[in-house]
Each structure stands twice: as structure tokens, then as C-alpha cells.
Protein backbone atom coordinates (compact mmCIF):
# COMPACT_ATOMS: atom_id res chain seq x y z
CA MET A 1 -25.15 -1.66 2.73
CA ASP A 2 -24.60 2.08 2.25
CA PHE A 3 -22.86 2.71 -1.08
CA ARG A 4 -21.82 6.22 -0.01
CA ALA A 5 -20.06 4.84 3.06
CA LEU A 6 -18.08 2.46 0.84
CA ILE A 7 -17.03 5.35 -1.41
CA VAL A 8 -15.92 7.37 1.62
CA ILE A 9 -13.91 4.39 2.93
CA MET A 10 -12.21 3.88 -0.43
CA MET A 11 -11.46 7.53 -1.16
CA SER A 12 -10.21 8.06 2.39
CA ALA A 13 -7.78 5.18 1.95
CA VAL A 14 -6.62 6.52 -1.43
CA LEU A 15 -6.23 10.21 -0.59
CA VAL A 16 -6.80 11.23 3.02
CA ASN A 17 -5.15 8.32 4.84
CA ASN A 18 -2.74 7.22 2.10
CA TYR A 19 -0.59 4.56 3.72
CA VAL A 20 2.61 5.73 2.03
CA LEU A 21 2.27 9.50 1.90
CA ARG A 22 0.28 10.11 5.08
CA GLN A 23 1.12 7.21 7.37
CA PHE A 24 4.64 6.58 6.01
CA LEU A 25 4.21 2.82 5.76
CA GLY A 26 5.68 0.82 2.87
CA VAL A 27 8.31 3.47 2.17
CA CYS A 28 11.05 0.98 1.23
CA PRO A 29 9.45 -0.20 -2.05
CA PHE A 30 8.11 3.32 -2.59
CA LEU A 31 11.64 4.74 -2.70
CA GLY A 32 13.30 1.68 -4.22
CA VAL A 33 11.08 0.84 -7.18
CA SER A 34 9.89 4.33 -8.18
CA ARG A 35 12.70 4.99 -10.68
CA ASP A 36 10.94 3.26 -13.56
CA PHE A 37 7.28 3.69 -14.56
CA LYS A 38 6.72 0.04 -15.53
CA SER A 39 8.23 -1.23 -12.29
CA SER A 40 6.18 1.27 -10.27
CA VAL A 41 2.94 0.19 -11.88
CA GLY A 42 3.86 -3.48 -11.54
CA MET A 43 4.70 -3.07 -7.87
CA GLY A 44 1.51 -1.07 -7.34
CA PHE A 45 -0.67 -3.80 -8.83
CA ALA A 46 1.23 -6.48 -6.90
CA VAL A 47 0.56 -4.56 -3.66
CA ILE A 48 -3.14 -4.15 -4.57
CA PHE A 49 -3.38 -7.89 -5.20
CA VAL A 50 -1.59 -8.80 -1.96
CA MET A 51 -3.64 -6.31 0.12
CA MET A 52 -6.91 -7.63 -1.30
CA LEU A 53 -5.88 -11.25 -0.90
CA ALA A 54 -4.53 -10.66 2.62
CA THR A 55 -7.77 -8.96 3.65
CA THR A 56 -9.83 -11.74 2.06
CA VAL A 57 -8.00 -14.30 4.20
CA THR A 58 -7.16 -12.45 7.43
CA TRP A 59 -10.58 -10.91 8.17
CA PRO A 60 -12.37 -14.29 8.44
CA ILE A 61 -9.42 -15.75 10.38
CA GLN A 62 -9.67 -12.92 12.91
CA ILE A 63 -13.46 -12.93 13.23
CA PHE A 64 -14.21 -16.66 13.07
CA LEU A 65 -11.04 -18.22 14.48
CA LEU A 66 -9.01 -15.87 16.67
CA ASN A 67 -11.93 -13.97 18.24
CA THR A 68 -14.00 -17.08 18.95
CA SER A 69 -11.01 -18.93 20.42
CA GLY A 70 -9.83 -16.08 22.63
CA LEU A 71 -6.60 -15.81 20.63
CA GLU A 72 -6.87 -12.16 19.59
CA PHE A 73 -3.34 -11.57 20.92
CA MET A 74 -1.99 -13.80 18.10
CA GLN A 75 -3.30 -11.42 15.44
CA THR A 76 0.03 -9.93 14.34
CA VAL A 77 1.84 -13.27 14.19
CA VAL A 78 -0.95 -14.98 12.26
CA PHE A 79 -1.35 -12.06 9.85
CA ILE A 80 2.39 -11.94 9.13
CA LEU A 81 2.40 -15.66 8.36
CA VAL A 82 -0.60 -15.30 6.04
CA ILE A 83 0.94 -12.29 4.25
CA ALA A 84 4.30 -14.06 3.86
CA THR A 85 2.56 -17.04 2.28
CA LEU A 86 0.57 -14.83 -0.08
CA VAL A 87 3.67 -12.88 -1.15
CA GLN A 88 5.43 -16.15 -1.93
CA LEU A 89 2.45 -17.09 -4.10
CA VAL A 90 2.64 -13.76 -5.95
CA GLU A 91 6.39 -14.20 -6.39
CA VAL A 92 5.94 -17.66 -7.94
CA VAL A 93 3.23 -16.40 -10.31
CA LEU A 94 5.27 -13.37 -11.41
CA LYS A 95 8.41 -15.46 -11.89
CA ARG A 96 6.51 -17.95 -14.03
CA TYR A 97 4.23 -15.69 -16.10
CA PHE A 98 5.83 -12.21 -15.93
CA PRO A 99 9.61 -12.76 -15.78
CA ALA A 100 10.48 -9.22 -16.95
CA LEU A 101 8.39 -7.66 -14.17
CA PHE A 102 9.78 -10.17 -11.68
CA ALA A 103 13.35 -9.18 -12.65
CA SER A 104 12.60 -5.45 -12.50
CA LEU A 105 11.07 -5.68 -9.01
CA GLY A 106 14.14 -7.52 -7.78
CA VAL A 107 14.62 -7.63 -4.03
CA TYR A 108 11.59 -5.42 -3.38
CA LEU A 109 9.11 -8.19 -4.14
CA PRO A 110 10.28 -10.44 -1.27
CA LEU A 111 10.39 -7.32 0.91
CA MET A 112 6.63 -7.09 0.45
CA THR A 113 6.49 -9.95 2.95
CA THR A 114 7.54 -7.48 5.61
CA ASN A 115 5.80 -4.49 4.01
CA CYS A 116 4.21 -2.83 6.98
CA ALA A 117 1.55 -1.20 4.77
CA VAL A 118 0.06 -4.60 3.93
CA LEU A 119 0.06 -5.62 7.59
CA ALA A 120 -1.32 -2.22 8.63
CA VAL A 121 -4.27 -2.54 6.24
CA THR A 122 -5.25 -5.96 7.59
CA ILE A 123 -4.98 -4.83 11.21
CA SER A 124 -6.74 -1.53 10.49
CA ASN A 125 -9.68 -3.42 8.96
CA ILE A 126 -10.19 -5.18 12.29
CA ASN A 127 -9.52 -2.13 14.49
CA GLN A 128 -11.97 0.02 12.52
CA GLY A 129 -14.68 -2.62 12.94
CA TYR A 130 -15.26 -2.91 9.21
CA THR A 131 -17.60 -5.52 7.83
CA TYR A 132 -16.15 -7.94 5.30
CA ALA A 133 -17.28 -5.80 2.33
CA GLU A 134 -15.97 -2.62 3.95
CA ALA A 135 -12.65 -4.31 4.70
CA LEU A 136 -12.28 -5.37 1.07
CA VAL A 137 -13.13 -1.86 -0.15
CA HIS A 138 -10.65 -0.38 2.32
CA ALA A 139 -7.93 -2.79 1.13
CA LEU A 140 -8.65 -1.89 -2.49
CA GLY A 141 -8.50 1.81 -1.66
CA ALA A 142 -5.23 1.39 0.24
CA GLY A 143 -3.74 -0.51 -2.69
CA LEU A 144 -4.93 2.12 -5.17
CA GLY A 145 -3.42 4.77 -2.90
CA PHE A 146 -0.11 2.91 -2.97
CA LEU A 147 -0.29 2.70 -6.77
CA LEU A 148 -1.14 6.40 -7.03
CA ALA A 149 1.77 7.33 -4.77
CA MET A 150 4.16 5.16 -6.80
CA VAL A 151 3.07 6.61 -10.16
CA LEU A 152 3.13 10.21 -8.95
CA PHE A 153 6.53 9.79 -7.34
CA THR A 154 7.94 8.15 -10.45
CA GLY A 155 6.93 11.24 -12.41
CA VAL A 156 8.49 13.52 -9.81
CA ARG A 157 11.72 11.48 -9.75
CA THR A 158 11.94 11.54 -13.53
CA GLN A 159 11.79 15.34 -13.45
CA THR A 160 14.26 15.76 -10.58
CA GLU A 161 16.78 13.38 -12.14
CA SER A 162 16.71 15.33 -15.41
CA ALA A 163 17.22 18.61 -13.51
CA ASP A 164 20.55 19.89 -12.27
CA PRO A 165 20.19 20.44 -8.51
CA PRO A 166 23.09 21.75 -6.41
CA GLU A 167 25.71 19.13 -5.61
CA ALA A 168 24.56 18.76 -1.99
CA PHE A 169 21.07 17.79 -3.13
CA LYS A 170 21.95 15.24 -5.81
CA GLY A 171 20.91 11.62 -5.29
CA ILE A 172 19.16 10.63 -2.08
CA PRO A 173 18.65 14.15 -0.64
CA ILE A 174 16.59 15.40 -3.61
CA THR A 175 14.65 12.13 -3.61
CA LEU A 176 13.72 12.52 0.06
CA ILE A 177 12.84 16.20 -0.36
CA SER A 178 10.64 15.30 -3.35
CA ALA A 179 8.90 12.59 -1.32
CA ALA A 180 8.32 15.04 1.53
CA LEU A 181 6.78 17.63 -0.80
CA LEU A 182 4.52 15.02 -2.39
CA SER A 183 3.49 13.92 1.08
CA LEU A 184 2.66 17.50 2.06
CA ALA A 185 0.41 17.80 -0.98
CA PHE A 186 -1.69 14.88 0.29
CA PHE A 187 -2.25 16.64 3.62
CA GLY A 188 -4.44 19.05 1.64
CA PHE A 189 -7.12 16.35 1.33
CA ASP A 190 -7.96 16.48 5.05
CA GLY A 191 -11.70 16.79 5.55
CA VAL A 192 -12.53 16.75 1.85
CA ILE A 193 -13.75 13.16 1.47
CA GLU A 194 -15.81 13.09 4.66
CA ASN A 195 -17.68 16.25 3.63
CA ILE A 196 -18.49 15.24 0.02
CA PHE A 197 -21.88 13.76 0.86
CA ARG A 198 -23.04 16.36 3.37
């Protein structure tokens, strides 16, 4: 297994192909939970955990069950069911052992069931033809990218909320403009990761 290839896969998922800031997936929790640093970090780690767990389960299901049975067309349905089950598991664990984090995440935790970023990672692992190890590294990178986006945007929102923008920009408009500018910054990573090892 090529260690450099794994680093490229991970860093590409974190920076170049960030699921939130480049592919605009998982924007609902990104905008909803990014007001508070603790909630952002908690949601980021919950997403990392769910992405890793979903990849751990869905990759073998696709390769050893769906592909061998000729049921590839059931991929999306099966993956959604697996992700929904895993999110329910995370919700139960957080409610039992981390009640403050559970309360701060609120409605956004159950929304992770339908978080298209989690589903996109599991499907992308199959479409890219990743091996099991590569799929897990890609899922970890995608989750770290989500966490990075959440933490950065929390910092940006903290600054914009303490500023005094014109009346037309207060609230949602300045939040969306800030998200767009942060997203544009990540477009600057194009080509960087792939050329590191040349």
C-alpha cells in the first residue's frame, strides 16, 4: 500500500474536495450549528465518527453483498438505511454520556441521518474504486474537512456577529456572504495536494 497515495486521498478530502466548502454538501448543520465553538467541534467529531462508521459498514456491503448479488442499483437505499441506523446509535450514545452536547446539537443531530455529505462519502468511496483502507482514509479526511469547515466558519461568524454591518446585511445575508468567501478561499487549494509528491 502506497503511503503517499493515502496522504493525497486524505488531504484532497480535507482541502481540495472539501464536502462542505467545495461540493456544498452538509450545509444545513454547517450553517445551523456553527454559532458556538463547542457545538461546532462536537458536531464535527460526530460527523467524523458517522462517516468512518458508515464507510466501515457500507463498503463491505457494497463489495461483498450488493455487487455479488447483482443488486448494485439498491446502493442508495441500503446506504441510507445503514447511515440512519448509525446516526440513531450516535444519538443514543450522546444522549446517555454527553447530555450537554446532545442538547446543544438539538435538531441537527437527527438531521445527520439525511446529511448528504455522509451519503456522498460512502458512494464516492465506491465510485472512486477505493480499496477498503483508501475508503477509510477518504472518510476520515472528509470528516476532518467537515470539522475544519465548522471551526473556521464559527470563527468567522463570531467576528461578523460582533461587527456592525449595514442593516441589509445583518443576520442571514452576512452569514451566507461569509460562507461564500470561506468557500472561495478553499478553491485556492486546487492542484496543490496532487503536486506535493512530484
